Amino acid sequence: MNILWDFDGTLFDTYPMYASIFSQVLGDNTDEIEIIKHLKVSFSHAINHYKLSKQQVLGMHDLEKDLSLNEIIPFDGIEEVLKFANKNVIMSHKDRDGVLAILQHHNWEKYFTDLVTIYDGFPRKPNPAAYNYLHRKHRIDLVIGDREIDILPAKELEIATCLFRNKYDKADYYLENYSDFFEIIAR
């Protein structure tokens, strides 16, 4: 099985960290659970919802750079799924250096065959161009993401989809925990 993965919120539990950064930049008592709901739509959606200025967005990027890689934690059980797959590839809107630094910190670069990031020139999700590129190159069998925009390109390309910790009626599979992967998907 060849799997295309989203990064934030799918491989690593980064939403609490980003919600904390949003809260710091907003400087008020905005509920971090509410921030996460907007982040799960998209990062740009959350920026627009909270009407962040360019200066505030730059401040967020500065705070993100100051985070310790130890604060970026993979989800429980996911490493077994990575080991199971024939190939794992990533499509992320993060920058390549950031993704690689996190993978190397966790000694996970060995699990990934390919990586497409925001700076590779593909349009943002849900445009299917990056997925199509990875699918033609690696014959993707399953796309795993945590948001609707992560699976829409796969649906367009007729690739099986799995949503992690999110229910969307168009996904083929749903996982609340990666420990259920072998019972639900890889039976």
C-alpha atoms as a PDB file:
ATOM      1  CA  MET A   1       0.000   0.000   0.000  1.00  0.00           C
ATOM      2  CA  ASN A   2       1.352   3.434  -0.995  1.00  0.00           C
ATOM      3  CA  ILE A   3       0.052   6.227   1.228  1.00  0.00           C
ATOM      4  CA  LEU A   4      -0.022   9.989   0.676  1.00  0.00           C
ATOM      5  CA  TRP A   5      -0.078  11.840   3.998  1.00  0.00           C
ATOM      6  CA  ASP A   6      -1.026  15.334   5.024  1.00  0.00           C
ATOM      7  CA  PHE A   7       1.406  16.641   7.664  1.00  0.00           C
ATOM      8  CA  ASP A   8      -0.075  18.964  10.310  1.00  0.00           C
ATOM      9  CA  GLY A   9      -2.905  17.369  12.249  1.00  0.00           C
ATOM     10  CA  THR A  10      -2.400  14.030  10.492  1.00  0.00           C
ATOM     11  CA  LEU A  11       1.147  12.881  11.214  1.00  0.00           C
ATOM     12  CA  PHE A  12       1.825  15.314  14.047  1.00  0.00           C
ATOM     13  CA  ASP A  13      -0.483  16.834  16.657  1.00  0.00           C
ATOM     14  CA  THR A  14       0.349  20.451  15.827  1.00  0.00           C
ATOM     15  CA  TYR A  15      -3.059  22.100  16.262  1.00  0.00           C
ATOM     16  CA  PRO A  16      -2.667  22.815  19.996  1.00  0.00           C
ATOM     17  CA  MET A  17       0.712  24.410  19.307  1.00  0.00           C
ATOM     18  CA  TYR A  18      -0.684  26.600  16.503  1.00  0.00           C
ATOM     19  CA  ALA A  19      -3.719  27.529  18.612  1.00  0.00           C
ATOM     20  CA  SER A  20      -1.382  28.698  21.362  1.00  0.00           C
ATOM     21  CA  ILE A  21       0.541  30.839  18.876  1.00  0.00           C
ATOM     22  CA  PHE A  22      -2.719  32.333  17.544  1.00  0.00           C
ATOM     23  CA  SER A  23      -3.799  33.100  21.094  1.00  0.00           C
ATOM     24  CA  GLN A  24      -0.486  34.822  21.871  1.00  0.00           C
ATOM     25  CA  VAL A  25      -0.715  36.948  18.720  1.00  0.00           C
ATOM     26  CA  LEU A  26      -4.360  37.835  19.321  1.00  0.00           C
ATOM     27  CA  GLY A  27      -3.447  38.887  22.856  1.00  0.00           C
ATOM     28  CA  ASP A  28      -6.888  38.212  24.220  1.00  0.00           C
ATOM     29  CA  ASN A  29      -8.739  35.366  25.855  1.00  0.00           C
ATOM     30  CA  THR A  30      -9.804  33.675  22.625  1.00  0.00           C
ATOM     31  CA  ASP A  31     -10.647  30.051  23.329  1.00  0.00           C
ATOM     32  CA  GLU A  32      -7.958  27.781  21.861  1.00  0.00           C
ATOM     33  CA  ILE A  33     -10.525  25.058  21.107  1.00  0.00           C
ATOM     34  CA  GLU A  34     -12.384  27.613  18.981  1.00  0.00           C
ATOM     35  CA  ILE A  35      -9.121  28.545  17.241  1.00  0.00           C
ATOM     36  CA  ILE A  36      -8.483  24.872  16.452  1.00  0.00           C
ATOM     37  CA  LYS A  37     -11.921  24.596  14.799  1.00  0.00           C
ATOM     38  CA  HIS A  38     -10.934  27.384  12.413  1.00  0.00           C
ATOM     39  CA  LEU A  39      -7.445  25.970  11.854  1.00  0.00           C
ATOM     40  CA  LYS A  40      -9.000  22.648  10.854  1.00  0.00           C
ATOM     41  CA  VAL A  41     -10.723  24.410   7.967  1.00  0.00           C
ATOM     42  CA  SER A  42      -7.404  25.916   6.897  1.00  0.00           C
ATOM     43  CA  PHE A  43      -4.666  28.169   8.214  1.00  0.00           C
ATOM     44  CA  SER A  44      -5.739  30.970   5.868  1.00  0.00           C
ATOM     45  CA  HIS A  45      -9.355  30.559   6.998  1.00  0.00           C
ATOM     46  CA  ALA A  46      -8.268  31.089  10.621  1.00  0.00           C
ATOM     47  CA  ILE A  47      -6.185  34.135   9.662  1.00  0.00           C
ATOM     48  CA  ASN A  48      -9.157  35.642   7.828  1.00  0.00           C
ATOM     49  CA  HIS A  49     -11.639  34.739  10.570  1.00  0.00           C
ATOM     50  CA  TYR A  50      -9.569  36.500  13.230  1.00  0.00           C
ATOM     51  CA  LYS A  51      -8.718  39.346  10.826  1.00  0.00           C
ATOM     52  CA  LEU A  52      -4.997  39.092  11.492  1.00  0.00           C
ATOM     53  CA  SER A  53      -2.820  41.806  10.015  1.00  0.00           C
ATOM     54  CA  LYS A  54       0.299  41.046   7.967  1.00  0.00           C
ATOM     55  CA  GLN A  55       2.332  42.102  11.015  1.00  0.00           C
ATOM     56  CA  GLN A  56       0.473  39.610  13.217  1.00  0.00           C
ATOM     57  CA  VAL A  57       1.014  36.814  10.672  1.00  0.00           C
ATOM     58  CA  LEU A  58       4.733  37.615  10.609  1.00  0.00           C
ATOM     59  CA  GLY A  59       4.701  37.522  14.406  1.00  0.00           C
ATOM     60  CA  MET A  60       3.122  34.072  14.270  1.00  0.00           C
ATOM     61  CA  HIS A  61       5.874  32.835  11.964  1.00  0.00           C
ATOM     62  CA  ASP A  62       8.485  34.202  14.387  1.00  0.00           C
ATOM     63  CA  LEU A  63       6.846  32.387  17.302  1.00  0.00           C
ATOM     64  CA  GLU A  64       6.694  29.173  15.264  1.00  0.00           C
ATOM     65  CA  LYS A  65      10.431  29.387  14.546  1.00  0.00           C
ATOM     66  CA  ASP A  66      11.091  29.621  18.290  1.00  0.00           C
ATOM     67  CA  LEU A  67       9.309  26.329  19.030  1.00  0.00           C
ATOM     68  CA  SER A  68      11.349  23.357  20.116  1.00  0.00           C
ATOM     69  CA  LEU A  69      11.124  20.297  17.889  1.00  0.00           C
ATOM     70  CA  ASN A  70      10.360  18.386  21.097  1.00  0.00           C
ATOM     71  CA  GLU A  71       6.990  20.184  21.172  1.00  0.00           C
ATOM     72  CA  ILE A  72       5.956  18.651  17.839  1.00  0.00           C
ATOM     73  CA  ILE A  73       4.636  15.229  18.783  1.00  0.00           C
ATOM     74  CA  PRO A  74       3.554  12.442  16.407  1.00  0.00           C
ATOM     75  CA  PHE A  75       0.201  10.793  16.988  1.00  0.00           C
ATOM     76  CA  ASP A  76       0.199   7.507  18.912  1.00  0.00           C
ATOM     77  CA  GLY A  77       0.324   4.378  16.778  1.00  0.00           C
ATOM     78  CA  ILE A  78       1.231   6.125  13.551  1.00  0.00           C
ATOM     79  CA  GLU A  79       4.747   4.721  13.303  1.00  0.00           C
ATOM     80  CA  GLU A  80       3.349   1.196  12.875  1.00  0.00           C
ATOM     81  CA  VAL A  81       1.285   2.400   9.910  1.00  0.00           C
ATOM     82  CA  LEU A  82       4.350   4.091   8.392  1.00  0.00           C
ATOM     83  CA  LYS A  83       6.315   0.847   8.747  1.00  0.00           C
ATOM     84  CA  PHE A  84       3.464  -1.126   7.150  1.00  0.00           C
ATOM     85  CA  ALA A  85       3.229   0.962   3.975  1.00  0.00           C
ATOM     86  CA  ASN A  86       5.309   0.131   0.920  1.00  0.00           C
ATOM     87  CA  LYS A  87       5.747   3.847   0.282  1.00  0.00           C
ATOM     88  CA  ASN A  88       4.820   6.954   2.252  1.00  0.00           C
ATOM     89  CA  VAL A  89       4.776  10.398   0.661  1.00  0.00           C
ATOM     90  CA  ILE A  90       3.824  13.786   2.093  1.00  0.00           C
ATOM     91  CA  MET A  91       1.918  16.696   0.564  1.00  0.00           C
ATOM     92  CA  SER A  92       2.052  19.682   2.902  1.00  0.00           C
ATOM     93  CA  HIS A  93       1.578  23.432   2.789  1.00  0.00           C
ATOM     94  CA  LYS A  94       4.508  23.717   5.227  1.00  0.00           C
ATOM     95  CA  ASP A  95       7.945  24.616   3.923  1.00  0.00           C
ATOM     96  CA  ARG A  96      10.318  21.767   3.019  1.00  0.00           C
ATOM     97  CA  ASP A  97      12.991  22.668   5.597  1.00  0.00           C
ATOM     98  CA  GLY A  98      10.424  22.701   8.397  1.00  0.00           C
ATOM     99  CA  VAL A  99       8.987  19.318   7.433  1.00  0.00           C
ATOM    100  CA  LEU A 100      12.437  17.758   7.035  1.00  0.00           C
ATOM    101  CA  ALA A 101      13.635  19.142  10.383  1.00  0.00           C
ATOM    102  CA  ILE A 102      10.669  17.563  12.177  1.00  0.00           C
ATOM    103  CA  LEU A 103      11.058  14.226  10.364  1.00  0.00           C
ATOM    104  CA  GLN A 104      14.791  14.137  11.113  1.00  0.00           C
ATOM    105  CA  HIS A 105      14.205  15.043  14.765  1.00  0.00           C
ATOM    106  CA  HIS A 106      11.965  11.975  15.107  1.00  0.00           C
ATOM    107  CA  ASN A 107      14.239   9.839  12.888  1.00  0.00           C
ATOM    108  CA  TRP A 108      11.331   9.415  10.461  1.00  0.00           C
ATOM    109  CA  GLU A 109      12.870  10.560   7.185  1.00  0.00           C
ATOM    110  CA  LYS A 110      13.542   6.857   6.502  1.00  0.00           C
ATOM    111  CA  TYR A 111       9.784   6.255   6.208  1.00  0.00           C
ATOM    112  CA  PHE A 112       9.169   8.765   3.404  1.00  0.00           C
ATOM    113  CA  THR A 113       9.952   8.309  -0.272  1.00  0.00           C
ATOM    114  CA  ASP A 114       8.873  11.742  -1.477  1.00  0.00           C
ATOM    115  CA  LEU A 115       7.689  15.113  -0.264  1.00  0.00           C
ATOM    116  CA  VAL A 116       5.830  17.988  -1.930  1.00  0.00           C
ATOM    117  CA  THR A 117       5.656  21.268  -0.036  1.00  0.00           C
ATOM    118  CA  ILE A 118       4.281  24.750  -0.578  1.00  0.00           C
ATOM    119  CA  TYR A 119       7.417  25.901  -2.404  1.00  0.00           C
ATOM    120  CA  ASP A 120       7.321  23.200  -5.086  1.00  0.00           C
ATOM    121  CA  GLY A 121       5.092  25.356  -7.267  1.00  0.00           C
ATOM    122  CA  PHE A 122       1.836  23.435  -7.042  1.00  0.00           C
ATOM    123  CA  PRO A 123      -1.458  25.220  -6.292  1.00  0.00           C
ATOM    124  CA  ARG A 124      -2.806  24.902  -2.757  1.00  0.00           C
ATOM    125  CA  LYS A 125      -5.214  22.147  -1.750  1.00  0.00           C
ATOM    126  CA  PRO A 126      -7.888  21.281  -2.741  1.00  0.00           C
ATOM    127  CA  ASN A 127      -6.395  21.670  -6.230  1.00  0.00           C
ATOM    128  CA  PRO A 128      -5.354  18.104  -7.207  1.00  0.00           C
ATOM    129  CA  ALA A 129      -2.140  18.989  -9.114  1.00  0.00           C
ATOM    130  CA  ALA A 130       0.312  17.963  -6.359  1.00  0.00           C
ATOM    131  CA  TYR A 131      -1.634  14.781  -5.623  1.00  0.00           C
ATOM    132  CA  ASN A 132      -1.733  13.961  -9.327  1.00  0.00           C
ATOM    133  CA  TYR A 133       2.040  14.442  -9.547  1.00  0.00           C
ATOM    134  CA  LEU A 134       2.654  12.135  -6.565  1.00  0.00           C
ATOM    135  CA  HIS A 135       0.089   9.602  -7.793  1.00  0.00           C
ATOM    136  CA  ARG A 136       1.662   9.354 -11.263  1.00  0.00           C
ATOM    137  CA  LYS A 137       5.087   8.970  -9.691  1.00  0.00           C
ATOM    138  CA  HIS A 138       4.205   6.545  -6.846  1.00  0.00           C
ATOM    139  CA  ARG A 139       0.798   4.997  -7.647  1.00  0.00           C
ATOM    140  CA  ILE A 140      -0.933   6.149  -4.460  1.00  0.00           C
ATOM    141  CA  ASP A 141      -3.486   3.734  -2.959  1.00  0.00           C
ATOM    142  CA  LEU A 142      -4.687   5.810  -0.009  1.00  0.00           C
ATOM    143  CA  VAL A 143      -4.673   9.447   1.062  1.00  0.00           C
ATOM    144  CA  ILE A 144      -4.807  10.214   4.801  1.00  0.00           C
ATOM    145  CA  GLY A 145      -5.614  13.695   6.082  1.00  0.00           C
ATOM    146  CA  ASP A 146      -7.471  15.405   8.867  1.00  0.00           C
ATOM    147  CA  ARG A 147      -9.467  17.954   6.855  1.00  0.00           C
ATOM    148  CA  GLU A 148     -11.905  17.909   3.979  1.00  0.00           C
ATOM    149  CA  ILE A 149      -9.413  19.787   1.762  1.00  0.00           C
ATOM    150  CA  ASP A 150      -6.911  16.945   2.304  1.00  0.00           C
ATOM    151  CA  ILE A 151      -9.163  14.340   0.713  1.00  0.00           C
ATOM    152  CA  LEU A 152     -10.977  16.331  -1.982  1.00  0.00           C
ATOM    153  CA  PRO A 153      -8.051  16.087  -4.444  1.00  0.00           C
ATOM    154  CA  ALA A 154      -7.869  12.324  -3.872  1.00  0.00           C
ATOM    155  CA  LYS A 155     -11.590  11.936  -4.504  1.00  0.00           C
ATOM    156  CA  GLU A 156     -11.169  13.809  -7.794  1.00  0.00           C
ATOM    157  CA  LEU A 157      -8.372  11.393  -8.764  1.00  0.00           C
ATOM    158  CA  GLU A 158     -10.418   8.377  -7.578  1.00  0.00           C
ATOM    159  CA  ILE A 159      -7.954   7.429  -4.847  1.00  0.00           C
ATOM    160  CA  ALA A 160      -9.244   5.929  -1.574  1.00  0.00           C
ATOM    161  CA  THR A 161      -9.401   8.386   1.313  1.00  0.00           C
ATOM    162  CA  CYS A 162      -9.167   8.295   5.081  1.00  0.00           C
ATOM    163  CA  LEU A 163      -9.945  11.130   7.456  1.00  0.00           C
ATOM    164  CA  PHE A 164      -8.222  11.220  10.810  1.00  0.00           C
ATOM    165  CA  ARG A 165     -10.274  12.547  13.740  1.00  0.00           C
ATOM    166  CA  ASN A 166     -12.793  14.197  11.468  1.00  0.00           C
ATOM    167  CA  LYS A 167     -16.057  12.971  10.007  1.00  0.00           C
ATOM    168  CA  TYR A 168     -16.839  14.004   6.455  1.00  0.00           C
ATOM    169  CA  ASP A 169     -19.388  11.948   4.603  1.00  0.00           C
ATOM    170  CA  LYS A 170     -17.317  11.646   1.434  1.00  0.00           C
ATOM    171  CA  ALA A 171     -14.319   9.871   3.016  1.00  0.00           C
ATOM    172  CA  ASP A 172     -13.918   6.136   2.422  1.00  0.00           C
ATOM    173  CA  TYR A 173     -12.532   5.508   5.919  1.00  0.00           C
ATOM    174  CA  TYR A 174     -12.385   7.259   9.284  1.00  0.00           C
ATOM    175  CA  LEU A 175      -9.850   6.784  12.050  1.00  0.00           C
ATOM    176  CA  GLU A 176      -9.953   8.207  15.542  1.00  0.00           C
ATOM    177  CA  ASN A 177      -6.740   6.370  16.453  1.00  0.00           C
ATOM    178  CA  TYR A 178      -4.014   4.944  14.264  1.00  0.00           C
ATOM    179  CA  SER A 179      -4.107   1.742  16.302  1.00  0.00           C
ATOM    180  CA  ASP A 180      -7.388   1.020  14.458  1.00  0.00           C
ATOM    181  CA  PHE A 181      -5.751   1.231  11.009  1.00  0.00           C
ATOM    182  CA  PHE A 182      -5.134  -2.504  10.736  1.00  0.00           C
ATOM    183  CA  GLU A 183      -8.677  -3.401  11.754  1.00  0.00           C
ATOM    184  CA  ILE A 184     -10.457  -0.801   9.606  1.00  0.00           C
ATOM    185  CA  ILE A 185      -8.276  -0.312   6.513  1.00  0.00           C
ATOM    186  CA  ALA A 186      -5.563  -2.966   6.194  1.00  0.00           C
ATOM    187  CA  ARG A 187      -7.609  -6.050   7.031  1.00  0.00           C
END
